[in-house]
PDB file of N, CA and C in Angstrom:
ATOM      1  N   MET A   1      84.576  82.923 111.086  1.00  0.00           N
ATOM      2  CA  MET A   1      85.504  84.046 111.092  1.00  0.00           C
ATOM      3  C   MET A   1      85.093  85.043 110.030  1.00  0.00           C
ATOM      4  N   LYS A   2      85.210  86.313 110.304  1.00  0.00           N
ATOM      5  CA  LYS A   2      84.910  87.395 109.401  1.00  0.00           C
ATOM      6  C   LYS A   2      85.762  87.328 108.153  1.00  0.00           C
ATOM      7  N   LYS A   3      85.145  87.578 106.991  1.00  0.00           N
ATOM      8  CA  LYS A   3      85.899  87.691 105.739  1.00  0.00           C
ATOM      9  C   LYS A   3      86.085  89.183 105.451  1.00  0.00           C
ATOM     10  N   ILE A   4      87.350  89.583 105.394  1.00  0.00           N
ATOM     11  CA  ILE A   4      87.726  90.960 105.092  1.00  0.00           C
ATOM     12  C   ILE A   4      88.451  90.936 103.759  1.00  0.00           C
ATOM     13  N   VAL A   5      87.974  91.768 102.820  1.00  0.00           N
ATOM     14  CA  VAL A   5      88.652  91.802 101.517  1.00  0.00           C
ATOM     15  C   VAL A   5      89.242  93.181 101.241  1.00  0.00           C
ATOM     16  N   VAL A   6      90.430  93.175 100.701  1.00  0.00           N
ATOM     17  CA  VAL A   6      91.051  94.402 100.195  1.00  0.00           C
ATOM     18  C   VAL A   6      90.884  94.313  98.688  1.00  0.00           C
ATOM     19  N   PHE A   7      90.055  95.224  98.145  1.00  0.00           N
ATOM     20  CA  PHE A   7      89.605  95.119  96.780  1.00  0.00           C
ATOM     21  C   PHE A   7      90.078  96.292  95.962  1.00  0.00           C
ATOM     22  N   SER A   8      91.307  96.188  95.474  1.00  0.00           N
ATOM     23  CA  SER A   8      91.864  97.169  94.558  1.00  0.00           C
ATOM     24  C   SER A   8      92.908  96.403  93.765  1.00  0.00           C
ATOM     25  N   THR A   9      93.446  97.035  92.721  1.00  0.00           N
ATOM     26  CA  THR A   9      94.447  96.326  91.944  1.00  0.00           C
ATOM     27  C   THR A   9      95.656  96.039  92.814  1.00  0.00           C
ATOM     28  N   SER A  10      96.366  94.977  92.478  1.00  0.00           N
ATOM     29  CA  SER A  10      97.511  94.603  93.296  1.00  0.00           C
ATOM     30  C   SER A  10      98.563  95.714  93.300  1.00  0.00           C
ATOM     31  N   ASP A  11      98.690  96.466  92.203  1.00  0.00           N
ATOM     32  CA  ASP A  11      99.645  97.580  92.172  1.00  0.00           C
ATOM     33  C   ASP A  11      99.242  98.660  93.205  1.00  0.00           C
ATOM     34  N   ASN A  12      97.954  98.992  93.247  1.00  0.00           N
ATOM     35  CA  ASN A  12      97.490 100.002  94.219  1.00  0.00           C
ATOM     36  C   ASN A  12      97.615  99.536  95.645  1.00  0.00           C
ATOM     37  N   ILE A  13      97.322  98.276  95.869  1.00  0.00           N
ATOM     38  CA  ILE A  13      97.444  97.698  97.226  1.00  0.00           C
ATOM     39  C   ILE A  13      98.863  97.877  97.743  1.00  0.00           C
ATOM     40  N   LYS A  14      99.826  97.626  96.886  1.00  0.00           N
ATOM     41  CA  LYS A  14     101.242  97.775  97.300  1.00  0.00           C
ATOM     42  C   LYS A  14     101.589  99.222  97.654  1.00  0.00           C
ATOM     43  N   LYS A  15     100.916 100.190  96.996  1.00  0.00           N
ATOM     44  CA  LYS A  15     101.188 101.587  97.245  1.00  0.00           C
ATOM     45  C   LYS A  15     100.501 102.096  98.521  1.00  0.00           C
ATOM     46  N   ILE A  16      99.389 101.479  98.871  1.00  0.00           N
ATOM     47  CA  ILE A  16      98.552 101.997  99.969  1.00  0.00           C
ATOM     48  C   ILE A  16      98.792 101.251 101.305  1.00  0.00           C
ATOM     49  N   PHE A  17      98.970  99.940 101.236  1.00  0.00           N
ATOM     50  CA  PHE A  17      99.059  99.134 102.443  1.00  0.00           C
ATOM     51  C   PHE A  17     100.449  98.559 102.634  1.00  0.00           C
ATOM     52  N   SER A  18     101.001  98.775 103.805  1.00  0.00           N
ATOM     53  CA  SER A  18     102.280  98.160 104.153  1.00  0.00           C
ATOM     54  C   SER A  18     102.018  96.732 104.592  1.00  0.00           C
ATOM     55  N   ALA A  19     103.052  95.952 104.719  1.00  0.00           N
ATOM     56  CA  ALA A  19     102.906  94.579 105.229  1.00  0.00           C
ATOM     57  C   ALA A  19     102.324  94.625 106.643  1.00  0.00           C
ATOM     58  N   GLY A  20     102.685  95.637 107.430  1.00  0.00           N
ATOM     59  CA  GLY A  20     102.152  95.787 108.768  1.00  0.00           C
ATOM     60  C   GLY A  20     100.657  96.049 108.781  1.00  0.00           C
ATOM     61  N   HIS A  21     100.201  96.872 107.822  1.00  0.00           N
ATOM     62  CA  HIS A  21      98.751  97.118 107.723  1.00  0.00           C
ATOM     63  C   HIS A  21      97.981  95.835 107.439  1.00  0.00           C
ATOM     64  N   LEU A  22      98.489  95.099 106.461  1.00  0.00           N
ATOM     65  CA  LEU A  22      97.806  93.854 106.090  1.00  0.00           C
ATOM     66  C   LEU A  22      97.838  92.834 107.218  1.00  0.00           C
ATOM     67  N   GLU A  23      98.949  92.808 107.949  1.00  0.00           N
ATOM     68  CA  GLU A  23      99.050  91.890 109.085  1.00  0.00           C
ATOM     69  C   GLU A  23      98.019  92.243 110.157  1.00  0.00           C
ATOM     70  N   ARG A  24      97.849  93.522 110.430  1.00  0.00           N
ATOM     71  CA  ARG A  24      96.858  93.930 111.444  1.00  0.00           C
ATOM     72  C   ARG A  24      95.446  93.577 110.986  1.00  0.00           C
ATOM     73  N   LEU A  25      95.153  93.808 109.719  1.00  0.00           N
ATOM     74  CA  LEU A  25      93.850  93.436 109.203  1.00  0.00           C
ATOM     75  C   LEU A  25      93.606  91.929 109.329  1.00  0.00           C
ATOM     76  N   SER A  26      94.663  91.136 109.092  1.00  0.00           N
ATOM     77  CA  SER A  26      94.502  89.664 109.145  1.00  0.00           C
ATOM     78  C   SER A  26      94.189  89.197 110.573  1.00  0.00           C
ATOM     79  N   LYS A  27      94.472  89.988 111.570  1.00  0.00           N
ATOM     80  CA  LYS A  27      94.156  89.625 112.943  1.00  0.00           C
ATOM     81  C   LYS A  27      92.680  89.837 113.271  1.00  0.00           C
ATOM     82  N   LEU A  28      92.000  90.592 112.402  1.00  0.00           N
ATOM     83  CA  LEU A  28      90.576  90.897 112.612  1.00  0.00           C
ATOM     84  C   LEU A  28      89.669  89.882 111.947  1.00  0.00           C
ATOM     85  N   GLY A  29      90.208  89.080 111.050  1.00  0.00           N
ATOM     86  CA  GLY A  29      89.394  88.089 110.352  1.00  0.00           C
ATOM     87  C   GLY A  29      90.177  87.408 109.259  1.00  0.00           C
ATOM     88  N   SER A  30      89.485  86.692 108.449  1.00  0.00           N
ATOM     89  CA  SER A  30      90.089  86.016 107.312  1.00  0.00           C
ATOM     90  C   SER A  30      90.310  87.050 106.200  1.00  0.00           C
ATOM     91  N   LEU A  31      91.563  87.398 105.942  1.00  0.00           N
ATOM     92  CA  LEU A  31      91.892  88.463 104.993  1.00  0.00           C
ATOM     93  C   LEU A  31      92.126  87.906 103.612  1.00  0.00           C
ATOM     94  N   ALA A  32      91.446  88.510 102.618  1.00  0.00           N
ATOM     95  CA  ALA A  32      91.665  88.192 101.215  1.00  0.00           C
ATOM     96  C   ALA A  32      92.092  89.454 100.504  1.00  0.00           C
ATOM     97  N   VAL A  33      93.212  89.393  99.813  1.00  0.00           N
ATOM     98  CA  VAL A  33      93.771  90.552  99.101  1.00  0.00           C
ATOM     99  C   VAL A  33      93.663  90.268  97.614  1.00  0.00           C
ATOM    100  N   TYR A  34      93.016  91.161  96.892  1.00  0.00           N
ATOM    101  CA  TYR A  34      92.828  90.983  95.440  1.00  0.00           C
ATOM    102  C   TYR A  34      94.185  90.857  94.770  1.00  0.00           C
ATOM    103  N   ASP A  35      94.311  89.889  93.886  1.00  0.00           N
ATOM    104  CA  ASP A  35      95.618  89.583  93.318  1.00  0.00           C
ATOM    105  C   ASP A  35      95.747  89.838  91.826  1.00  0.00           C
ATOM    106  N   ARG A  36      94.899  90.700  91.296  1.00  0.00           N
ATOM    107  CA  ARG A  36      94.927  91.027  89.877  1.00  0.00           C
ATOM    108  C   ARG A  36      95.001  92.503  89.673  1.00  0.00           C
ATOM    109  N   ASN A  37      95.350  92.909  88.446  1.00  0.00           N
ATOM    110  CA  ASN A  37      95.428  94.336  88.125  1.00  0.00           C
ATOM    111  C   ASN A  37      94.289  94.808  87.236  1.00  0.00           C
ATOM    112  N   ASP A  38      93.246  94.015  87.119  1.00  0.00           N
ATOM    113  CA  ASP A  38      92.050  94.410  86.394  1.00  0.00           C
ATOM    114  C   ASP A  38      90.844  93.681  86.957  1.00  0.00           C
ATOM    115  N   TYR A  39      89.684  94.095  86.451  1.00  0.00           N
ATOM    116  CA  TYR A  39      88.424  93.522  86.933  1.00  0.00           C
ATOM    117  C   TYR A  39      87.626  92.930  85.775  1.00  0.00           C
ATOM    118  N   ASN A  40      88.325  92.485  84.744  1.00  0.00           N
ATOM    119  CA  ASN A  40      87.684  92.026  83.528  1.00  0.00           C
ATOM    120  C   ASN A  40      86.929  90.711  83.695  1.00  0.00           C
ATOM    121  N   ASP A  41      87.328  89.878  84.641  1.00  0.00           N
ATOM    122  CA  ASP A  41      86.681  88.593  84.833  1.00  0.00           C
ATOM    123  C   ASP A  41      85.614  88.748  85.934  1.00  0.00           C
ATOM    124  N   ARG A  42      84.426  89.073  85.510  1.00  0.00           N
ATOM    125  CA  ARG A  42      83.332  89.355  86.469  1.00  0.00           C
ATOM    126  C   ARG A  42      83.073  88.197  87.412  1.00  0.00           C
ATOM    127  N   GLU A  43      83.111  86.976  86.885  1.00  0.00           N
ATOM    128  CA  GLU A  43      82.893  85.801  87.706  1.00  0.00           C
ATOM    129  C   GLU A  43      83.959  85.700  88.833  1.00  0.00           C
ATOM    130  N   TYR A  44      85.184  85.955  88.511  1.00  0.00           N
ATOM    131  CA  TYR A  44      86.274  85.955  89.491  1.00  0.00           C
ATOM    132  C   TYR A  44      86.031  87.025  90.554  1.00  0.00           C
ATOM    133  N   VAL A  45      85.661  88.246  90.100  1.00  0.00           N
ATOM    134  CA  VAL A  45      85.395  89.337  91.005  1.00  0.00           C
ATOM    135  C   VAL A  45      84.278  88.999  91.977  1.00  0.00           C
ATOM    136  N   LEU A  46      83.163  88.445  91.452  1.00  0.00           N
ATOM    137  CA  LEU A  46      82.032  88.110  92.308  1.00  0.00           C
ATOM    138  C   LEU A  46      82.391  87.040  93.295  1.00  0.00           C
ATOM    139  N   ASP A  47      83.174  86.062  92.865  1.00  0.00           N
ATOM    140  CA  ASP A  47      83.585  84.980  93.774  1.00  0.00           C
ATOM    141  C   ASP A  47      84.525  85.548  94.865  1.00  0.00           C
ATOM    142  N   PHE A  48      85.369  86.493  94.470  1.00  0.00           N
ATOM    143  CA  PHE A  48      86.276  87.107  95.443  1.00  0.00           C
ATOM    144  C   PHE A  48      85.509  87.861  96.517  1.00  0.00           C
ATOM    145  N   ILE A  49      84.521  88.624  96.118  1.00  0.00           N
ATOM    146  CA  ILE A  49      83.751  89.443  97.032  1.00  0.00           C
ATOM    147  C   ILE A  49      82.771  88.630  97.900  1.00  0.00           C
ATOM    148  N   LYS A  50      82.284  87.534  97.369  1.00  0.00           N
ATOM    149  CA  LYS A  50      81.214  86.766  98.006  1.00  0.00           C
ATOM    150  C   LYS A  50      81.494  86.502  99.489  1.00  0.00           C
ATOM    151  N   ASP A  51      80.463  86.720 100.308  1.00  0.00           N
ATOM    152  CA  ASP A  51      80.457  86.437 101.748  1.00  0.00           C
ATOM    153  C   ASP A  51      81.376  87.367 102.562  1.00  0.00           C
ATOM    154  N   SER A  52      81.768  88.513 102.001  1.00  0.00           N
ATOM    155  CA  SER A  52      82.585  89.476 102.761  1.00  0.00           C
ATOM    156  C   SER A  52      81.745  90.139 103.825  1.00  0.00           C
ATOM    157  N   GLU A  53      82.394  90.435 104.952  1.00  0.00           N
ATOM    158  CA  GLU A  53      81.768  91.243 105.990  1.00  0.00           C
ATOM    159  C   GLU A  53      82.297  92.679 105.945  1.00  0.00           C
ATOM    160  N   LEU A  54      83.502  92.828 105.419  1.00  0.00           N
ATOM    161  CA  LEU A  54      84.112  94.138 105.276  1.00  0.00           C
ATOM    162  C   LEU A  54      84.829  94.182 103.936  1.00  0.00           C
ATOM    163  N   ILE A  55      84.527  95.210 103.142  1.00  0.00           N
ATOM    164  CA  ILE A  55      85.215  95.412 101.842  1.00  0.00           C
ATOM    165  C   ILE A  55      85.972  96.712 101.920  1.00  0.00           C
ATOM    166  N   ILE A  56      87.269  96.653 101.664  1.00  0.00           N
ATOM    167  CA  ILE A  56      88.100  97.836 101.628  1.00  0.00           C
ATOM    168  C   ILE A  56      88.482  98.107 100.189  1.00  0.00           C
ATOM    169  N   THR A  57      88.036  99.236  99.668  1.00  0.00           N
ATOM    170  CA  THR A  57      88.353  99.639  98.302  1.00  0.00           C
ATOM    171  C   THR A  57      89.437 100.718  98.319  1.00  0.00           C
ATOM    172  N   ALA A  58      89.932 101.042  97.123  1.00  0.00           N
ATOM    173  CA  ALA A  58      90.943 102.086  96.985  1.00  0.00           C
ATOM    174  C   ALA A  58      90.817 102.659  95.588  1.00  0.00           C
ATOM    175  N   TRP A  59      91.756 103.504  95.214  1.00  0.00           N
ATOM    176  CA  TRP A  59      91.727 104.122  93.900  1.00  0.00           C
ATOM    177  C   TRP A  59      91.539 103.069  92.818  1.00  0.00           C
ATOM    178  N   GLY A  60      90.685 103.334  91.906  1.00  0.00           N
ATOM    179  CA  GLY A  60      90.490 102.474  90.755  1.00  0.00           C
ATOM    180  C   GLY A  60      89.631 101.230  91.017  1.00  0.00           C
ATOM    181  N   SER A  61      89.159 101.053  92.227  1.00  0.00           N
ATOM    182  CA  SER A  61      88.276  99.920  92.505  1.00  0.00           C
ATOM    183  C   SER A  61      86.980 100.115  91.753  1.00  0.00           C
ATOM    184  N   PRO A  62      86.354  99.034  91.271  1.00  0.00           N
ATOM    185  CA  PRO A  62      85.078  99.196  90.629  1.00  0.00           C
ATOM    186  C   PRO A  62      83.979  99.532  91.660  1.00  0.00           C
ATOM    187  N   LYS A  63      82.889 100.058  91.135  1.00  0.00           N
ATOM    188  CA  LYS A  63      81.737 100.337  91.995  1.00  0.00           C
ATOM    189  C   LYS A  63      81.235  99.071  92.613  1.00  0.00           C
ATOM    190  N   ILE A  64      80.940  99.129  93.911  1.00  0.00           N
ATOM    191  CA  ILE A  64      80.357  97.979  94.595  1.00  0.00           C
ATOM    192  C   ILE A  64      78.855  98.062  94.265  1.00  0.00           C
ATOM    193  N   ASP A  65      78.408  97.161  93.397  1.00  0.00           N
ATOM    194  CA  ASP A  65      77.046  97.235  92.890  1.00  0.00           C
ATOM    195  C   ASP A  65      76.089  96.321  93.688  1.00  0.00           C
ATOM    196  N   ASP A  66      74.826  96.391  93.308  1.00  0.00           N
ATOM    197  CA  ASP A  66      73.793  95.605  94.025  1.00  0.00           C
ATOM    198  C   ASP A  66      74.082  94.108  93.989  1.00  0.00           C
ATOM    199  N   GLU A  67      74.575  93.613  92.854  1.00  0.00           N
ATOM    200  CA  GLU A  67      74.841  92.193  92.763  1.00  0.00           C
ATOM    201  C   GLU A  67      75.922  91.782  93.767  1.00  0.00           C
ATOM    202  N   MET A  68      76.959  92.603  93.911  1.00  0.00           N
ATOM    203  CA  MET A  68      78.034  92.313  94.872  1.00  0.00           C
ATOM    204  C   MET A  68      77.482  92.356  96.296  1.00  0.00           C
ATOM    205  N   ILE A  69      76.688  93.341  96.594  1.00  0.00           N
ATOM    206  CA  ILE A  69      76.149  93.490  97.936  1.00  0.00           C
ATOM    207  C   ILE A  69      75.233  92.299  98.288  1.00  0.00           C
ATOM    208  N   HIS A  70      74.449  91.843  97.339  1.00  0.00           N
ATOM    209  CA  HIS A  70      73.578  90.686  97.576  1.00  0.00           C
ATOM    210  C   HIS A  70      74.372  89.389  97.851  1.00  0.00           C
ATOM    211  N   LEU A  71      75.611  89.348  97.364  1.00  0.00           N
ATOM    212  CA  LEU A  71      76.461  88.176  97.628  1.00  0.00           C
ATOM    213  C   LEU A  71      77.108  88.216  99.004  1.00  0.00           C
ATOM    214  N   CYS A  72      76.867  89.301  99.704  1.00  0.00           N
ATOM    215  CA  CYS A  72      77.493  89.485 101.048  1.00  0.00           C
ATOM    216  C   CYS A  72      76.411  89.771 102.100  1.00  0.00           C
ATOM    217  N   PRO A  73      75.617  88.758 102.435  1.00  0.00           N
ATOM    218  CA  PRO A  73      74.488  89.010 103.380  1.00  0.00           C
ATOM    219  C   PRO A  73      74.932  89.481 104.751  1.00  0.00           C
ATOM    220  N   ALA A  74      76.158  89.227 105.138  1.00  0.00           N
ATOM    221  CA  ALA A  74      76.639  89.658 106.444  1.00  0.00           C
ATOM    222  C   ALA A  74      77.497  90.926 106.381  1.00  0.00           C
ATOM    223  N   LEU A  75      77.452  91.634 105.226  1.00  0.00           N
ATOM    224  CA  LEU A  75      78.273  92.820 105.006  1.00  0.00           C
ATOM    225  C   LEU A  75      77.986  93.851 106.103  1.00  0.00           C
ATOM    226  N   ARG A  76      79.060  94.303 106.720  1.00  0.00           N
ATOM    227  CA  ARG A  76      78.923  95.297 107.795  1.00  0.00           C
ATOM    228  C   ARG A  76      79.506  96.644 107.408  1.00  0.00           C
ATOM    229  N   GLY A  77      80.334  96.674 106.358  1.00  0.00           N
ATOM    230  CA  GLY A  77      80.908  97.958 105.974  1.00  0.00           C
ATOM    231  C   GLY A  77      81.704  97.911 104.693  1.00  0.00           C
ATOM    232  N   ILE A  78      81.741  99.073 104.050  1.00  0.00           N
ATOM    233  CA  ILE A  78      82.596  99.286 102.893  1.00  0.00           C
ATOM    234  C   ILE A  78      83.435 100.515 103.206  1.00  0.00           C
ATOM    235  N   ILE A  79      84.713 100.354 103.137  1.00  0.00           N
ATOM    236  CA  ILE A  79      85.643 101.440 103.504  1.00  0.00           C
ATOM    237  C   ILE A  79      86.510 101.745 102.276  1.00  0.00           C
ATOM    238  N   HIS A  80      86.736 103.025 102.042  1.00  0.00           N
ATOM    239  CA  HIS A  80      87.631 103.409 100.931  1.00  0.00           C
ATOM    240  C   HIS A  80      88.927 103.968 101.492  1.00  0.00           C
ATOM    241  N   ALA A  81      90.034 103.362 101.103  1.00  0.00           N
ATOM    242  CA  ALA A  81      91.362 103.796 101.516  1.00  0.00           C
ATOM    243  C   ALA A  81      92.044 104.506 100.373  1.00  0.00           C
ATOM    244  N   GLY A  82      92.811 105.496 100.643  1.00  0.00           N
ATOM    245  CA  GLY A  82      93.495 106.181  99.548  1.00  0.00           C
ATOM    246  C   GLY A  82      94.613 107.018 100.057  1.00  0.00           C
TER     247      GLY A  82
END
């Protein structure tokens, strides 16, 4: 099953995505929603992103760098929501 991640702070996710949006995304694959308000734990961030096929970023998301991309060999897209 596809891994879809919503990668923004939990505060921003609440502002941008309704429960209905997240439910629709979950029907497209295995949905993971970032559950922190910072990106200070690099190991946690990398583990969260690993093996994603779709990464959805938003305001304040960190740059998706080469290391993150290499952890996602099946990555098909990066989308920015705002």
